[in-house]
Amino acid sequence: MRYKVKAPDLPAYREILEILDGRVPIFVASEKRHLLSTGDLPKDCLEEISARGAEVRPEIQYDLEGKR
């Protein structure tokens, strides 16, 4: 499953990117929008980024791919 991670501000975005880099696939990174599109998020990563105020949502459009 893929997830959208929206950081509340630029410093949090940069911290979250550093936390996730190398631990999960990052498909899209938009510094301007403070938004990341990632692969599966392990529980420890989810807890760390949530503590920094990130909003995490499943990207449903990718979850449905190939399930026709």
PDB file of N, CA and C in Angstrom:
ATOM      1  N   MET A   1       0.837  -1.173   0.000  1.00  0.00           N
ATOM      2  CA  MET A   1       0.000   0.000   0.000  1.00  0.00           C
ATOM      3  C   MET A   1       0.887   1.243   0.000  1.00  0.00           C
ATOM      4  N   ARG A   2       0.385   2.309  -0.617  1.00  0.00           N
ATOM      5  CA  ARG A   2       1.085   3.587  -0.621  1.00  0.00           C
ATOM      6  C   ARG A   2       0.370   4.564   0.304  1.00  0.00           C
ATOM      7  N   TYR A   3       1.152   5.511   0.831  1.00  0.00           N
ATOM      8  CA  TYR A   3       0.610   6.504   1.750  1.00  0.00           C
ATOM      9  C   TYR A   3       1.022   7.914   1.344  1.00  0.00           C
ATOM     10  N   LYS A   4       0.156   8.875   1.642  1.00  0.00           N
ATOM     11  CA  LYS A   4       0.482  10.293   1.523  1.00  0.00           C
ATOM     12  C   LYS A   4       0.816  10.787   2.919  1.00  0.00           C
ATOM     13  N   VAL A   5       1.945  11.461   3.035  1.00  0.00           N
ATOM     14  CA  VAL A   5       2.376  12.020   4.307  1.00  0.00           C
ATOM     15  C   VAL A   5       2.469  13.530   4.119  1.00  0.00           C
ATOM     16  N   LYS A   6       1.650  14.271   4.845  1.00  0.00           N
ATOM     17  CA  LYS A   6       1.609  15.732   4.762  1.00  0.00           C
ATOM     18  C   LYS A   6       2.163  16.314   6.054  1.00  0.00           C
ATOM     19  N   ALA A   7       3.276  17.036   5.935  1.00  0.00           N
ATOM     20  CA  ALA A   7       3.897  17.667   7.096  1.00  0.00           C
ATOM     21  C   ALA A   7       3.264  19.033   7.341  1.00  0.00           C
ATOM     22  N   PRO A   8       3.228  19.471   8.600  1.00  0.00           N
ATOM     23  CA  PRO A   8       2.598  20.756   8.911  1.00  0.00           C
ATOM     24  C   PRO A   8       3.404  21.969   8.449  1.00  0.00           C
ATOM     25  N   ASP A   9       4.730  21.819   8.322  1.00  0.00           N
ATOM     26  CA  ASP A   9       5.574  22.934   7.905  1.00  0.00           C
ATOM     27  C   ASP A   9       6.875  22.400   7.316  1.00  0.00           C
ATOM     28  N   LEU A  10       7.699  23.297   6.790  1.00  0.00           N
ATOM     29  CA  LEU A  10       8.929  22.882   6.124  1.00  0.00           C
ATOM     30  C   LEU A  10       9.930  22.201   7.057  1.00  0.00           C
ATOM     31  N   PRO A  11      10.170  22.725   8.261  1.00  0.00           N
ATOM     32  CA  PRO A  11      11.111  22.008   9.144  1.00  0.00           C
ATOM     33  C   PRO A  11      10.642  20.583   9.468  1.00  0.00           C
ATOM     34  N   ALA A  12       9.355  20.408   9.723  1.00  0.00           N
ATOM     35  CA  ALA A  12       8.825  19.064   9.995  1.00  0.00           C
ATOM     36  C   ALA A  12       8.951  18.184   8.757  1.00  0.00           C
ATOM     37  N   TYR A  13       8.684  18.744   7.575  1.00  0.00           N
ATOM     38  CA  TYR A  13       8.821  17.998   6.312  1.00  0.00           C
ATOM     39  C   TYR A  13      10.241  17.448   6.191  1.00  0.00           C
ATOM     40  N   ARG A  14      11.215  18.302   6.440  1.00  0.00           N
ATOM     41  CA  ARG A  14      12.614  17.884   6.303  1.00  0.00           C
ATOM     42  C   ARG A  14      12.984  16.814   7.332  1.00  0.00           C
ATOM     43  N   GLU A  15      12.483  16.936   8.557  1.00  0.00           N
ATOM     44  CA  GLU A  15      12.729  15.913   9.578  1.00  0.00           C
ATOM     45  C   GLU A  15      12.098  14.587   9.170  1.00  0.00           C
ATOM     46  N   ILE A  16      10.876  14.641   8.687  1.00  0.00           N
ATOM     47  CA  ILE A  16      10.152  13.428   8.277  1.00  0.00           C
ATOM     48  C   ILE A  16      10.855  12.766   7.103  1.00  0.00           C
ATOM     49  N   LEU A  17      11.299  13.562   6.144  1.00  0.00           N
ATOM     50  CA  LEU A  17      12.021  13.021   4.998  1.00  0.00           C
ATOM     51  C   LEU A  17      13.287  12.307   5.464  1.00  0.00           C
ATOM     52  N   GLU A  18      13.983  12.883   6.416  1.00  0.00           N
ATOM     53  CA  GLU A  18      15.198  12.271   6.948  1.00  0.00           C
ATOM     54  C   GLU A  18      14.883  10.956   7.672  1.00  0.00           C
ATOM     55  N   ILE A  19      13.776  10.934   8.420  1.00  0.00           N
ATOM     56  CA  ILE A  19      13.368   9.723   9.141  1.00  0.00           C
ATOM     57  C   ILE A  19      13.058   8.592   8.158  1.00  0.00           C
ATOM     58  N   LEU A  20      12.342   8.910   7.083  1.00  0.00           N
ATOM     59  CA  LEU A  20      11.874   7.882   6.146  1.00  0.00           C
ATOM     60  C   LEU A  20      12.920   7.473   5.117  1.00  0.00           C
ATOM     61  N   ASP A  21      13.835   8.378   4.790  1.00  0.00           N
ATOM     62  CA  ASP A  21      14.824   8.109   3.748  1.00  0.00           C
ATOM     63  C   ASP A  21      15.636   6.867   4.077  1.00  0.00           C
ATOM     64  N   GLY A  22      15.619   5.923   3.161  1.00  0.00           N
ATOM     65  CA  GLY A  22      16.355   4.676   3.344  1.00  0.00           C
ATOM     66  C   GLY A  22      15.596   3.603   4.102  1.00  0.00           C
ATOM     67  N   ARG A  23      14.480   3.975   4.733  1.00  0.00           N
ATOM     68  CA  ARG A  23      13.692   2.994   5.499  1.00  0.00           C
ATOM     69  C   ARG A  23      12.458   2.533   4.738  1.00  0.00           C
ATOM     70  N   VAL A  24      11.890   3.443   3.937  1.00  0.00           N
ATOM     71  CA  VAL A  24      10.718   3.105   3.126  1.00  0.00           C
ATOM     72  C   VAL A  24      10.896   3.737   1.752  1.00  0.00           C
ATOM     73  N   PRO A  25      10.269   3.159   0.720  1.00  0.00           N
ATOM     74  CA  PRO A  25      10.344   3.790  -0.593  1.00  0.00           C
ATOM     75  C   PRO A  25       9.613   5.138  -0.586  1.00  0.00           C
ATOM     76  N   ILE A  26      10.248   6.147  -1.157  1.00  0.00           N
ATOM     77  CA  ILE A  26       9.616   7.456  -1.332  1.00  0.00           C
ATOM     78  C   ILE A  26       9.437   7.654  -2.829  1.00  0.00           C
ATOM     79  N   PHE A  27       8.180   7.686  -3.265  1.00  0.00           N
ATOM     80  CA  PHE A  27       7.870   7.775  -4.690  1.00  0.00           C
ATOM     81  C   PHE A  27       7.806   9.215  -5.181  1.00  0.00           C
ATOM     82  N   VAL A  28       7.283  10.108  -4.352  1.00  0.00           N
ATOM     83  CA  VAL A  28       7.173  11.526  -4.703  1.00  0.00           C
ATOM     84  C   VAL A  28       7.513  12.336  -3.465  1.00  0.00           C
ATOM     85  N   ALA A  29       8.301  13.397  -3.664  1.00  0.00           N
ATOM     86  CA  ALA A  29       8.633  14.309  -2.571  1.00  0.00           C
ATOM     87  C   ALA A  29       8.421  15.733  -3.065  1.00  0.00           C
ATOM     88  N   SER A  30       7.494  16.441  -2.449  1.00  0.00           N
ATOM     89  CA  SER A  30       7.204  17.825  -2.820  1.00  0.00           C
ATOM     90  C   SER A  30       7.477  18.732  -1.626  1.00  0.00           C
ATOM     91  N   GLU A  31       8.646  19.377  -1.653  1.00  0.00           N
ATOM     92  CA  GLU A  31       9.002  20.283  -0.567  1.00  0.00           C
ATOM     93  C   GLU A  31       8.044  21.470  -0.525  1.00  0.00           C
ATOM     94  N   LYS A  32       7.649  21.940  -1.686  1.00  0.00           N
ATOM     95  CA  LYS A  32       6.740  23.094  -1.768  1.00  0.00           C
ATOM     96  C   LYS A  32       5.413  22.818  -1.056  1.00  0.00           C
ATOM     97  N   ARG A  33       4.904  21.604  -1.205  1.00  0.00           N
ATOM     98  CA  ARG A  33       3.623  21.232  -0.587  1.00  0.00           C
ATOM     99  C   ARG A  33       3.781  20.492   0.733  1.00  0.00           C
ATOM    100  N   HIS A  34       5.026  20.230   1.124  1.00  0.00           N
ATOM    101  CA  HIS A  34       5.328  19.476   2.351  1.00  0.00           C
ATOM    102  C   HIS A  34       4.683  18.089   2.298  1.00  0.00           C
ATOM    103  N   LEU A  35       4.750  17.453   1.132  1.00  0.00           N
ATOM    104  CA  LEU A  35       4.041  16.203   0.888  1.00  0.00           C
ATOM    105  C   LEU A  35       4.983  15.116   0.383  1.00  0.00           C
ATOM    106  N   LEU A  36       4.794  13.912   0.912  1.00  0.00           N
ATOM    107  CA  LEU A  36       5.544  12.735   0.468  1.00  0.00           C
ATOM    108  C   LEU A  36       4.562  11.640   0.095  1.00  0.00           C
ATOM    109  N   SER A  37       4.907  10.881  -0.924  1.00  0.00           N
ATOM    110  CA  SER A  37       4.167   9.675  -1.274  1.00  0.00           C
ATOM    111  C   SER A  37       5.120   8.522  -0.999  1.00  0.00           C
ATOM    112  N   THR A  38       4.709   7.613  -0.108  1.00  0.00           N
ATOM    113  CA  THR A  38       5.608   6.553   0.340  1.00  0.00           C
ATOM    114  C   THR A  38       5.004   5.165   0.136  1.00  0.00           C
ATOM    115  N   GLY A  39       5.844   4.168   0.332  1.00  0.00           N
ATOM    116  CA  GLY A  39       5.381   2.792   0.376  1.00  0.00           C
ATOM    117  C   GLY A  39       4.891   2.483   1.781  1.00  0.00           C
ATOM    118  N   ASP A  40       4.805   1.207   2.099  1.00  0.00           N
ATOM    119  CA  ASP A  40       4.334   0.791   3.430  1.00  0.00           C
ATOM    120  C   ASP A  40       5.148   1.449   4.535  1.00  0.00           C
ATOM    121  N   LEU A  41       4.440   1.879   5.574  1.00  0.00           N
ATOM    122  CA  LEU A  41       5.083   2.533   6.715  1.00  0.00           C
ATOM    123  C   LEU A  41       5.085   1.596   7.920  1.00  0.00           C
ATOM    124  N   PRO A  42       6.266   1.191   8.381  1.00  0.00           N
ATOM    125  CA  PRO A  42       6.327   0.387   9.597  1.00  0.00           C
ATOM    126  C   PRO A  42       5.788   1.198  10.777  1.00  0.00           C
ATOM    127  N   LYS A  43       5.322   0.513  11.786  1.00  0.00           N
ATOM    128  CA  LYS A  43       4.702   1.157  12.950  1.00  0.00           C
ATOM    129  C   LYS A  43       5.636   2.179  13.597  1.00  0.00           C
ATOM    130  N   ASP A  44       6.928   1.851  13.731  1.00  0.00           N
ATOM    131  CA  ASP A  44       7.857   2.788  14.368  1.00  0.00           C
ATOM    132  C   ASP A  44       8.015   4.075  13.562  1.00  0.00           C
ATOM    133  N   CYS A  45       8.040   3.971  12.232  1.00  0.00           N
ATOM    134  CA  CYS A  45       8.114   5.165  11.374  1.00  0.00           C
ATOM    135  C   CYS A  45       6.843   5.991  11.516  1.00  0.00           C
ATOM    136  N   LEU A  46       5.716   5.323  11.503  1.00  0.00           N
ATOM    137  CA  LEU A  46       4.428   6.009  11.628  1.00  0.00           C
ATOM    138  C   LEU A  46       4.361   6.785  12.945  1.00  0.00           C
ATOM    139  N   GLU A  47       4.809   6.182  14.017  1.00  0.00           N
ATOM    140  CA  GLU A  47       4.808   6.856  15.322  1.00  0.00           C
ATOM    141  C   GLU A  47       5.733   8.070  15.328  1.00  0.00           C
ATOM    142  N   GLU A  48       6.918   7.916  14.733  1.00  0.00           N
ATOM    143  CA  GLU A  48       7.884   9.021  14.699  1.00  0.00           C
ATOM    144  C   GLU A  48       7.363  10.205  13.900  1.00  0.00           C
ATOM    145  N   ILE A  49       6.793   9.939  12.732  1.00  0.00           N
ATOM    146  CA  ILE A  49       6.332  11.056  11.899  1.00  0.00           C
ATOM    147  C   ILE A  49       5.040  11.670  12.441  1.00  0.00           C
ATOM    148  N   SER A  50       4.203  10.869  13.061  1.00  0.00           N
ATOM    149  CA  SER A  50       2.982  11.396  13.674  1.00  0.00           C
ATOM    150  C   SER A  50       3.332  12.328  14.835  1.00  0.00           C
ATOM    151  N   ALA A  51       4.386  12.011  15.558  1.00  0.00           N
ATOM    152  CA  ALA A  51       4.833  12.853  16.664  1.00  0.00           C
ATOM    153  C   ALA A  51       5.288  14.224  16.174  1.00  0.00           C
ATOM    154  N   ARG A  52       5.624  14.327  14.899  1.00  0.00           N
ATOM    155  CA  ARG A  52       6.039  15.605  14.314  1.00  0.00           C
ATOM    156  C   ARG A  52       4.882  16.327  13.627  1.00  0.00           C
ATOM    157  N   GLY A  53       3.675  15.832  13.860  1.00  0.00           N
ATOM    158  CA  GLY A  53       2.487  16.503  13.346  1.00  0.00           C
ATOM    159  C   GLY A  53       2.074  16.118  11.941  1.00  0.00           C
ATOM    160  N   ALA A  54       2.658  15.057  11.401  1.00  0.00           N
ATOM    161  CA  ALA A  54       2.323  14.637  10.039  1.00  0.00           C
ATOM    162  C   ALA A  54       0.926  14.043   9.968  1.00  0.00           C
ATOM    163  N   GLU A  55       0.264  14.325   8.871  1.00  0.00           N
ATOM    164  CA  GLU A  55      -1.034  13.718   8.568  1.00  0.00           C
ATOM    165  C   GLU A  55      -0.754  12.591   7.575  1.00  0.00           C
ATOM    166  N   VAL A  56      -1.162  11.375   7.904  1.00  0.00           N
ATOM    167  CA  VAL A  56      -0.882  10.212   7.067  1.00  0.00           C
ATOM    168  C   VAL A  56      -2.196   9.627   6.577  1.00  0.00           C
ATOM    169  N   ARG A  57      -2.293   9.457   5.253  1.00  0.00           N
ATOM    170  CA  ARG A  57      -3.497   8.874   4.649  1.00  0.00           C
ATOM    171  C   ARG A  57      -3.107   7.829   3.604  1.00  0.00           C
ATOM    172  N   PRO A  58      -3.891   6.769   3.499  1.00  0.00           N
ATOM    173  CA  PRO A  58      -3.641   5.801   2.422  1.00  0.00           C
ATOM    174  C   PRO A  58      -3.926   6.435   1.067  1.00  0.00           C
ATOM    175  N   GLU A  59      -3.145   6.083   0.073  1.00  0.00           N
ATOM    176  CA  GLU A  59      -3.395   6.530  -1.294  1.00  0.00           C
ATOM    177  C   GLU A  59      -4.208   5.435  -1.970  1.00  0.00           C
ATOM    178  N   ILE A  60      -5.496   5.557  -1.891  1.00  0.00           N
ATOM    179  CA  ILE A  60      -6.431   4.541  -2.375  1.00  0.00           C
ATOM    180  C   ILE A  60      -6.240   4.240  -3.855  1.00  0.00           C
ATOM    181  N   GLN A  61      -5.968   5.258  -4.665  1.00  0.00           N
ATOM    182  CA  GLN A  61      -5.844   5.028  -6.104  1.00  0.00           C
ATOM    183  C   GLN A  61      -4.788   3.983  -6.428  1.00  0.00           C
ATOM    184  N   TYR A  62      -3.696   3.928  -5.654  1.00  0.00           N
ATOM    185  CA  TYR A  62      -2.656   2.938  -5.907  1.00  0.00           C
ATOM    186  C   TYR A  62      -3.003   1.589  -5.304  1.00  0.00           C
ATOM    187  N   ASP A  63      -3.777   1.580  -4.253  1.00  0.00           N
ATOM    188  CA  ASP A  63      -4.204   0.331  -3.633  1.00  0.00           C
ATOM    189  C   ASP A  63      -5.114  -0.453  -4.587  1.00  0.00           C
ATOM    190  N   LEU A  64      -5.850   0.252  -5.425  1.00  0.00           N
ATOM    191  CA  LEU A  64      -6.794  -0.407  -6.332  1.00  0.00           C
ATOM    192  C   LEU A  64      -6.165  -0.862  -7.632  1.00  0.00           C
ATOM    193  N   GLU A  65      -4.930  -0.389  -7.946  1.00  0.00           N
ATOM    194  CA  GLU A  65      -4.285  -0.786  -9.184  1.00  0.00           C
ATOM    195  C   GLU A  65      -4.097  -2.295  -9.249  1.00  0.00           C
ATOM    196  N   GLY A  66      -4.381  -2.846 -10.396  1.00  0.00           N
ATOM    197  CA  GLY A  66      -4.177  -4.267 -10.610  1.00  0.00           C
ATOM    198  C   GLY A  66      -5.224  -5.171  -9.969  1.00  0.00           C
ATOM    199  N   LYS A  67      -6.225  -4.611  -9.347  1.00  0.00           N
ATOM    200  CA  LYS A  67      -7.259  -5.429  -8.696  1.00  0.00           C
ATOM    201  C   LYS A  67      -8.572  -5.298  -9.447  1.00  0.00           C
ATOM    202  N   ARG A  68      -8.500  -5.430 -10.746  1.00  0.00           N
ATOM    203  CA  ARG A  68      -9.702  -5.277 -11.586  1.00  0.00           C
ATOM    204  C   ARG A  68     -10.389  -6.594 -11.788  1.00  0.00           C
TER     205      ARG A  68
END
